C-alpha atoms as a PDB file:
ATOM      1  CA  MET A   1      -0.508  -0.013  -0.027  1.00  0.00           C
ATOM      2  CA  THR A   2       1.249   2.994  -0.978  1.00  0.00           C
ATOM      3  CA  SER A   3       0.860   6.413   1.095  1.00  0.00           C
ATOM      4  CA  ILE A   4      -0.106   9.560  -1.206  1.00  0.00           C
ATOM      5  CA  GLU A   5       0.807  11.868   2.000  1.00  0.00           C
ATOM      6  CA  GLU A   6       2.630  14.821   0.441  1.00  0.00           C
ATOM      7  CA  LYS A   7       6.774  14.306   1.029  1.00  0.00           C
ATOM      8  CA  ARG A   8       7.566  17.085  -1.400  1.00  0.00           C
ATOM      9  CA  PRO A   9       5.706  19.059  -4.087  1.00  0.00           C
ATOM     10  CA  ALA A  10       4.117  16.868  -6.690  1.00  0.00           C
ATOM     11  CA  PRO A  11       4.237  18.396 -10.421  1.00  0.00           C
ATOM     12  CA  THR A  12       2.020  20.388 -11.697  1.00  0.00           C
ATOM     13  CA  ASP A  13       2.742  20.035 -15.554  1.00  0.00           C
ATOM     14  CA  LEU A  14       2.763  17.602 -17.939  1.00  0.00           C
ATOM     15  CA  GLU A  15       6.931  17.790 -18.323  1.00  0.00           C
ATOM     16  CA  GLY A  16       7.298  17.699 -15.021  1.00  0.00           C
ATOM     17  CA  ILE A  17       5.661  14.362 -14.648  1.00  0.00           C
ATOM     18  CA  LEU A  18       7.509  12.831 -17.701  1.00  0.00           C
ATOM     19  CA  ASP A  19      10.754  14.022 -15.881  1.00  0.00           C
ATOM     20  CA  GLU A  20       9.677  11.742 -12.734  1.00  0.00           C
ATOM     21  CA  LEU A  21       8.934   8.661 -14.769  1.00  0.00           C
ATOM     22  CA  SER A  22      12.322   9.314 -16.762  1.00  0.00           C
ATOM     23  CA  ALA A  23      13.785   9.264 -13.430  1.00  0.00           C
ATOM     24  CA  VAL A  24      12.161   6.092 -12.875  1.00  0.00           C
ATOM     25  CA  ALA A  25      13.257   4.271 -16.287  1.00  0.00           C
ATOM     26  CA  ALA A  26      17.055   5.843 -15.819  1.00  0.00           C
ATOM     27  CA  GLY A  27      17.114   4.370 -12.131  1.00  0.00           C
ATOM     28  CA  ALA A  28      16.086   0.659 -13.522  1.00  0.00           C
ATOM     29  CA  GLY A  29      19.481   0.969 -15.569  1.00  0.00           C
ATOM     30  CA  GLU A  30      19.595  -2.259 -17.802  1.00  0.00           C
ATOM     31  CA  GLY A  31      16.308  -4.116 -16.279  1.00  0.00           C
ATOM     32  CA  GLU A  32      12.705  -3.172 -16.351  1.00  0.00           C
ATOM     33  CA  VAL A  33      10.366  -0.749 -15.072  1.00  0.00           C
ATOM     34  CA  SER A  34       7.415  -2.608 -13.192  1.00  0.00           C
ATOM     35  CA  VAL A  35       4.160  -1.313 -12.710  1.00  0.00           C
ATOM     36  CA  ALA A  36       4.207  -0.644  -9.195  1.00  0.00           C
ATOM     37  CA  GLY A  37       7.595   1.279  -9.590  1.00  0.00           C
ATOM     38  CA  VAL A  38       6.035   3.900 -12.067  1.00  0.00           C
ATOM     39  CA  MET A  39       2.853   4.201  -9.968  1.00  0.00           C
ATOM     40  CA  ALA A  40       4.840   5.025  -6.733  1.00  0.00           C
ATOM     41  CA  ALA A  41       6.865   7.783  -8.542  1.00  0.00           C
ATOM     42  CA  LEU A  42       4.078   9.614  -8.238  1.00  0.00           C
ATOM     43  CA  GLY A  43       1.642   8.139  -6.085  1.00  0.00           C
ATOM     44  CA  GLU A  44       2.787   9.306  -2.871  1.00  0.00           C
ATOM     45  CA  ARG A  45       1.761  12.673  -3.269  1.00  0.00           C
ATOM     46  CA  SER A  46      -1.113  13.106  -5.969  1.00  0.00           C
ATOM     47  CA  PHE A  47      -4.145  11.408  -7.012  1.00  0.00           C
ATOM     48  CA  GLY A  48      -3.731  13.248  -9.982  1.00  0.00           C
ATOM     49  CA  PRO A  49      -0.343  12.829 -11.802  1.00  0.00           C
ATOM     50  CA  LEU A  50      -1.182   8.744 -10.140  1.00  0.00           C
ATOM     51  CA  LEU A  51      -3.737   8.753 -12.992  1.00  0.00           C
ATOM     52  CA  LEU A  52      -2.281  10.736 -15.571  1.00  0.00           C
ATOM     53  CA  VAL A  53       0.592   7.278 -15.293  1.00  0.00           C
ATOM     54  CA  PRO A  54      -1.249   5.039 -17.014  1.00  0.00           C
ATOM     55  CA  SER A  55      -3.040   7.265 -19.557  1.00  0.00           C
ATOM     56  CA  LEU A  56       0.029   8.716 -20.737  1.00  0.00           C
ATOM     57  CA  ILE A  57       1.558   5.112 -21.079  1.00  0.00           C
ATOM     58  CA  GLY A  58      -1.419   4.463 -23.352  1.00  0.00           C
ATOM     59  CA  LEU A  59      -0.815   7.384 -25.291  1.00  0.00           C
ATOM     60  CA  SER A  60       3.075   6.596 -25.801  1.00  0.00           C
ATOM     61  CA  PRO A  61       4.892   4.179 -28.429  1.00  0.00           C
ATOM     62  CA  VAL A  62       4.757   1.909 -25.171  1.00  0.00           C
ATOM     63  CA  GLY A  63       1.286   1.554 -25.335  1.00  0.00           C
ATOM     64  CA  ALA A  64       1.607  -0.760 -28.488  1.00  0.00           C
ATOM     65  CA  ILE A  65       3.190  -3.501 -26.252  1.00  0.00           C
ATOM     66  CA  PRO A  66       0.574  -6.324 -26.530  1.00  0.00           C
ATOM     67  CA  MET A  67      -1.289  -6.283 -23.383  1.00  0.00           C
ATOM     68  CA  LEU A  68       0.244  -3.545 -21.709  1.00  0.00           C
ATOM     69  CA  PRO A  69      -2.831  -1.100 -22.802  1.00  0.00           C
ATOM     70  CA  ALA A  70      -5.301  -3.683 -20.564  1.00  0.00           C
ATOM     71  CA  VAL A  71      -3.272  -3.601 -17.990  1.00  0.00           C
ATOM     72  CA  MET A  72      -3.055   0.135 -17.887  1.00  0.00           C
ATOM     73  CA  VAL A  73      -6.957   0.233 -18.315  1.00  0.00           C
ATOM     74  CA  ALA A  74      -7.059  -1.866 -15.315  1.00  0.00           C
ATOM     75  CA  VAL A  75      -4.820   0.387 -12.886  1.00  0.00           C
ATOM     76  CA  GLU A  76      -6.932   3.238 -13.995  1.00  0.00           C
ATOM     77  CA  ILE A  77      -9.959   1.309 -12.961  1.00  0.00           C
ATOM     78  CA  LEU A  78      -7.987   0.471  -9.237  1.00  0.00           C
ATOM     79  CA  ILE A  79      -7.227   4.097  -8.969  1.00  0.00           C
ATOM     80  CA  ILE A  80     -10.231   5.499 -10.204  1.00  0.00           C
ATOM     81  CA  GLY A  81     -11.990   3.567  -7.379  1.00  0.00           C
ATOM     82  CA  GLN A  82     -10.191   4.454  -4.498  1.00  0.00           C
ATOM     83  CA  MET A  83     -10.399   8.025  -5.052  1.00  0.00           C
ATOM     84  CA  LEU A  84     -14.400   7.764  -5.483  1.00  0.00           C
ATOM     85  CA  LEU A  85     -14.118   5.624  -1.982  1.00  0.00           C
ATOM     86  CA  GLY A  86     -11.982   8.439  -0.829  1.00  0.00           C
ATOM     87  CA  TRP A  87      -9.114   6.165   0.219  1.00  0.00           C
ATOM     88  CA  LYS A  88      -5.506   8.116   1.673  1.00  0.00           C
ATOM     89  CA  HIS A  89      -3.431   5.434   0.305  1.00  0.00           C
ATOM     90  CA  PHE A  90      -3.194   3.923  -3.115  1.00  0.00           C
ATOM     91  CA  TRP A  91      -2.732  -0.068  -3.216  1.00  0.00           C
ATOM     92  CA  ILE A  92      -2.341  -2.465  -6.282  1.00  0.00           C
ATOM     93  CA  PRO A  93      -2.415  -6.068  -6.429  1.00  0.00           C
ATOM     94  CA  PRO A  94       0.948  -7.617  -6.236  1.00  0.00           C
ATOM     95  CA  ALA A  95       0.474  -9.880  -9.192  1.00  0.00           C
ATOM     96  CA  LEU A  96      -0.402  -6.287 -11.196  1.00  0.00           C
ATOM     97  CA  GLY A  97       2.630  -4.289  -9.802  1.00  0.00           C
ATOM     98  CA  ARG A  98       4.986  -6.714 -10.557  1.00  0.00           C
ATOM     99  CA  ARG A  99       4.060  -6.360 -14.678  1.00  0.00           C
ATOM    100  CA  ALA A 100       7.342  -4.751 -16.289  1.00  0.00           C
ATOM    101  CA  ILE A 101       8.688  -3.770 -19.647  1.00  0.00           C
ATOM    102  CA  ASP A 102      12.009  -2.857 -20.743  1.00  0.00           C
ATOM    103  CA  ALA A 103      13.498   0.275 -18.800  1.00  0.00           C
ATOM    104  CA  HIS A 104      15.067   1.784 -21.963  1.00  0.00           C
ATOM    105  CA  ARG A 105      11.586   1.355 -24.204  1.00  0.00           C
ATOM    106  CA  PHE A 106      10.004   2.883 -21.357  1.00  0.00           C
ATOM    107  CA  ALA A 107      12.600   5.836 -21.571  1.00  0.00           C
ATOM    108  CA  ARG A 108      12.163   6.063 -25.330  1.00  0.00           C
ATOM    109  CA  GLY A 109       8.433   6.315 -24.978  1.00  0.00           C
ATOM    110  CA  MET A 110       8.412   8.981 -22.383  1.00  0.00           C
ATOM    111  CA  ASP A 111      10.557  11.059 -24.531  1.00  0.00           C
ATOM    112  CA  ALA A 112       8.481  10.690 -27.931  1.00  0.00           C
ATOM    113  CA  LEU A 113       5.955  12.582 -25.519  1.00  0.00           C
ATOM    114  CA  ARG A 114       8.159  15.648 -24.642  1.00  0.00           C
ATOM    115  CA  PRO A 115       7.390  18.027 -27.294  1.00  0.00           C
ATOM    116  CA  VAL A 116       3.538  17.504 -26.556  1.00  0.00           C
ATOM    117  CA  ALA A 117       4.005  17.838 -23.266  1.00  0.00           C
ATOM    118  CA  ARG A 118       6.019  21.220 -23.748  1.00  0.00           C
ATOM    119  CA  PHE A 119       3.099  22.632 -25.992  1.00  0.00           C
ATOM    120  CA  VAL A 120       0.424  21.275 -23.625  1.00  0.00           C
ATOM    121  CA  ASP A 121       2.412  22.767 -20.672  1.00  0.00           C
ATOM    122  CA  THR A 122       1.977  26.362 -22.274  1.00  0.00           C
ATOM    123  CA  PHE A 123      -1.932  25.972 -21.861  1.00  0.00           C
ATOM    124  CA  LEU A 124      -2.035  24.562 -18.609  1.00  0.00           C
ATOM    125  CA  SER A 125      -2.366  26.987 -15.627  1.00  0.00           C
ATOM    126  CA  PRO A 126      -4.589  27.398 -12.207  1.00  0.00           C
ATOM    127  CA  ARG A 127      -8.125  28.514 -13.606  1.00  0.00           C
ATOM    128  CA  LEU A 128     -11.913  28.017 -13.100  1.00  0.00           C
ATOM    129  CA  SER A 129     -10.333  25.556 -10.511  1.00  0.00           C
ATOM    130  CA  PHE A 130     -13.896  25.055  -8.876  1.00  0.00           C
ATOM    131  CA  LEU A 131     -14.539  22.338 -11.704  1.00  0.00           C
ATOM    132  CA  THR A 132     -11.477  20.478 -10.427  1.00  0.00           C
ATOM    133  CA  GLU A 133     -13.097  20.445  -6.826  1.00  0.00           C
ATOM    134  CA  GLY A 134     -16.171  18.920  -4.304  1.00  0.00           C
ATOM    135  CA  VAL A 135     -18.642  16.901  -6.739  1.00  0.00           C
ATOM    136  CA  PHE A 136     -16.748  18.238  -9.792  1.00  0.00           C
ATOM    137  CA  PHE A 137     -13.983  15.880  -8.679  1.00  0.00           C
ATOM    138  CA  TYR A 138     -16.323  12.883  -8.222  1.00  0.00           C
ATOM    139  CA  MET A 139     -18.057  13.793 -11.390  1.00  0.00           C
ATOM    140  CA  ILE A 140     -14.668  13.568 -13.122  1.00  0.00           C
ATOM    141  CA  ALA A 141     -13.839  10.205 -11.355  1.00  0.00           C
ATOM    142  CA  VAL A 142     -17.272   8.703 -12.362  1.00  0.00           C
ATOM    143  CA  LEU A 143     -16.226   9.860 -15.989  1.00  0.00           C
ATOM    144  CA  CYS A 144     -12.933   8.495 -15.949  1.00  0.00           C
ATOM    145  CA  LEU A 145     -14.179   5.596 -14.772  1.00  0.00           C
ATOM    146  CA  LEU A 146     -17.225   4.608 -17.363  1.00  0.00           C
ATOM    147  CA  VAL A 147     -14.368   5.598 -19.867  1.00  0.00           C
ATOM    148  CA  ALA A 148     -11.874   3.219 -18.720  1.00  0.00           C
ATOM    149  CA  LEU A 149     -14.406   0.624 -18.933  1.00  0.00           C
ATOM    150  CA  VAL A 150     -15.278   1.139 -22.526  1.00  0.00           C
ATOM    151  CA  THR A 151     -11.757   1.773 -23.662  1.00  0.00           C
ATOM    152  CA  PRO A 152     -11.217  -1.868 -24.273  1.00  0.00           C
ATOM    153  CA  ILE A 153     -14.197  -1.887 -26.765  1.00  0.00           C
ATOM    154  CA  ILE A 154     -12.951   1.451 -28.329  1.00  0.00           C
ATOM    155  CA  GLU A 155      -9.994   0.126 -28.801  1.00  0.00           C
ATOM    156  CA  LEU A 156     -10.991  -2.681 -30.929  1.00  0.00           C
ATOM    157  CA  VAL A 157     -11.103  -0.195 -34.053  1.00  0.00           C
ATOM    158  CA  PRO A 158      -7.680   0.920 -34.966  1.00  0.00           C
ATOM    159  CA  LEU A 159      -5.949   4.079 -33.079  1.00  0.00           C
ATOM    160  CA  ALA A 160      -9.532   4.945 -31.607  1.00  0.00           C
ATOM    161  CA  GLY A 161      -7.905   4.067 -28.397  1.00  0.00           C
ATOM    162  CA  ILE A 162      -6.538   7.777 -28.545  1.00  0.00           C
ATOM    163  CA  VAL A 163      -9.409   9.225 -27.671  1.00  0.00           C
ATOM    164  CA  PRO A 164     -10.111   7.626 -24.182  1.00  0.00           C
ATOM    165  CA  ASN A 165      -6.907   7.762 -22.995  1.00  0.00           C
ATOM    166  CA  ALA A 166      -6.664  11.612 -24.331  1.00  0.00           C
ATOM    167  CA  ALA A 167      -9.640  12.227 -22.095  1.00  0.00           C
ATOM    168  CA  VAL A 168      -8.085  10.690 -18.622  1.00  0.00           C
ATOM    169  CA  VAL A 169      -5.060  12.481 -19.469  1.00  0.00           C
ATOM    170  CA  ALA A 170      -6.874  15.699 -19.672  1.00  0.00           C
ATOM    171  CA  PHE A 171      -9.160  14.985 -16.603  1.00  0.00           C
ATOM    172  CA  SER A 172      -5.853  14.219 -14.936  1.00  0.00           C
ATOM    173  CA  LEU A 173      -4.150  17.324 -16.429  1.00  0.00           C
ATOM    174  CA  ALA A 174      -7.506  19.022 -14.727  1.00  0.00           C
ATOM    175  CA  ILE A 175      -7.343  17.319 -11.146  1.00  0.00           C
ATOM    176  CA  THR A 176      -3.159  18.178 -11.196  1.00  0.00           C
ATOM    177  CA  ALA A 177      -3.034  21.543 -12.435  1.00  0.00           C
ATOM    178  CA  ARG A 178      -6.509  22.625 -10.912  1.00  0.00           C
ATOM    179  CA  ASP A 179      -7.109  24.028 -14.582  1.00  0.00           C
ATOM    180  CA  GLY A 180     -11.170  23.148 -15.239  1.00  0.00           C
ATOM    181  CA  VAL A 181     -10.542  24.471 -18.895  1.00  0.00           C
ATOM    182  CA  TRP A 182      -8.544  21.259 -19.259  1.00  0.00           C
ATOM    183  CA  ALA A 183     -11.989  19.765 -17.237  1.00  0.00           C
ATOM    184  CA  LEU A 184     -13.832  20.886 -19.863  1.00  0.00           C
ATOM    185  CA  LEU A 185     -11.775  19.720 -23.047  1.00  0.00           C
ATOM    186  CA  ALA A 186     -12.287  16.352 -20.892  1.00  0.00           C
ATOM    187  CA  PHE A 187     -15.786  16.526 -21.378  1.00  0.00           C
ATOM    188  CA  ALA A 188     -15.518  16.772 -24.751  1.00  0.00           C
ATOM    189  CA  PHE A 189     -13.507  13.780 -25.468  1.00  0.00           C
ATOM    190  CA  THR A 190     -15.703  11.705 -23.381  1.00  0.00           C
ATOM    191  CA  GLY A 191     -18.586  12.931 -25.620  1.00  0.00           C
ATOM    192  CA  ALA A 192     -16.534  11.723 -28.339  1.00  0.00           C
ATOM    193  CA  CYS A 193     -15.939   8.213 -26.532  1.00  0.00           C
ATOM    194  CA  ALA A 194     -19.757   7.988 -26.174  1.00  0.00           C
ATOM    195  CA  TRP A 195     -19.814   8.899 -30.273  1.00  0.00           C
ATOM    196  CA  LEU A 196     -17.411   5.996 -30.801  1.00  0.00           C
ATOM    197  CA  ILE A 197     -19.302   3.342 -28.623  1.00  0.00           C
ATOM    198  CA  ALA A 198     -22.849   4.391 -30.359  1.00  0.00           C
ATOM    199  CA  MET A 199     -21.152   4.521 -33.826  1.00  0.00           C
ATOM    200  CA  PRO A 200     -22.475   1.488 -36.127  1.00  0.00           C
ATOM    201  CA  TRP A 201     -19.473   0.312 -37.415  1.00  0.00           C
END
């Protein structure tokens, strides 16, 4: 069980989170990066960055590894469930936490996201913060849970998995940076997920 009590300030921008994830990969050297290790990198301070990790992995080239998207969806559901329950500690089953990928491949995946992260960070700042607090926080958590549950269905369509992962990334950034504008953007992505589910393929 991982404490989420504050030990040092959590990153409030996307590139800061990538820095921490890259540090995990560097620390693994020639070995592997486990799910538990990645979660622990940010999970001790805030649920926002914690939820951002699996959705970022889903958007990165690392997400193309077979079965990894399913593992990340499972992690998302666990995180969101514990957010809704108001838990003060994040728990992950040992069997899931031991899942791992090559550290170099993980690092390359995070590096591939850096240009996007720098661009996104220019539009990230505390504003309309009420959309990330109170009842809105729980609304975001419920929508993230619904998006995570339908992600495996949406991913049956090539490249369509980008939409639900982008929705969770936007929601996570909204919580992390207390930026309500990103919450509104995430609502739009959630609507796109509903459209993809309803669309007759």
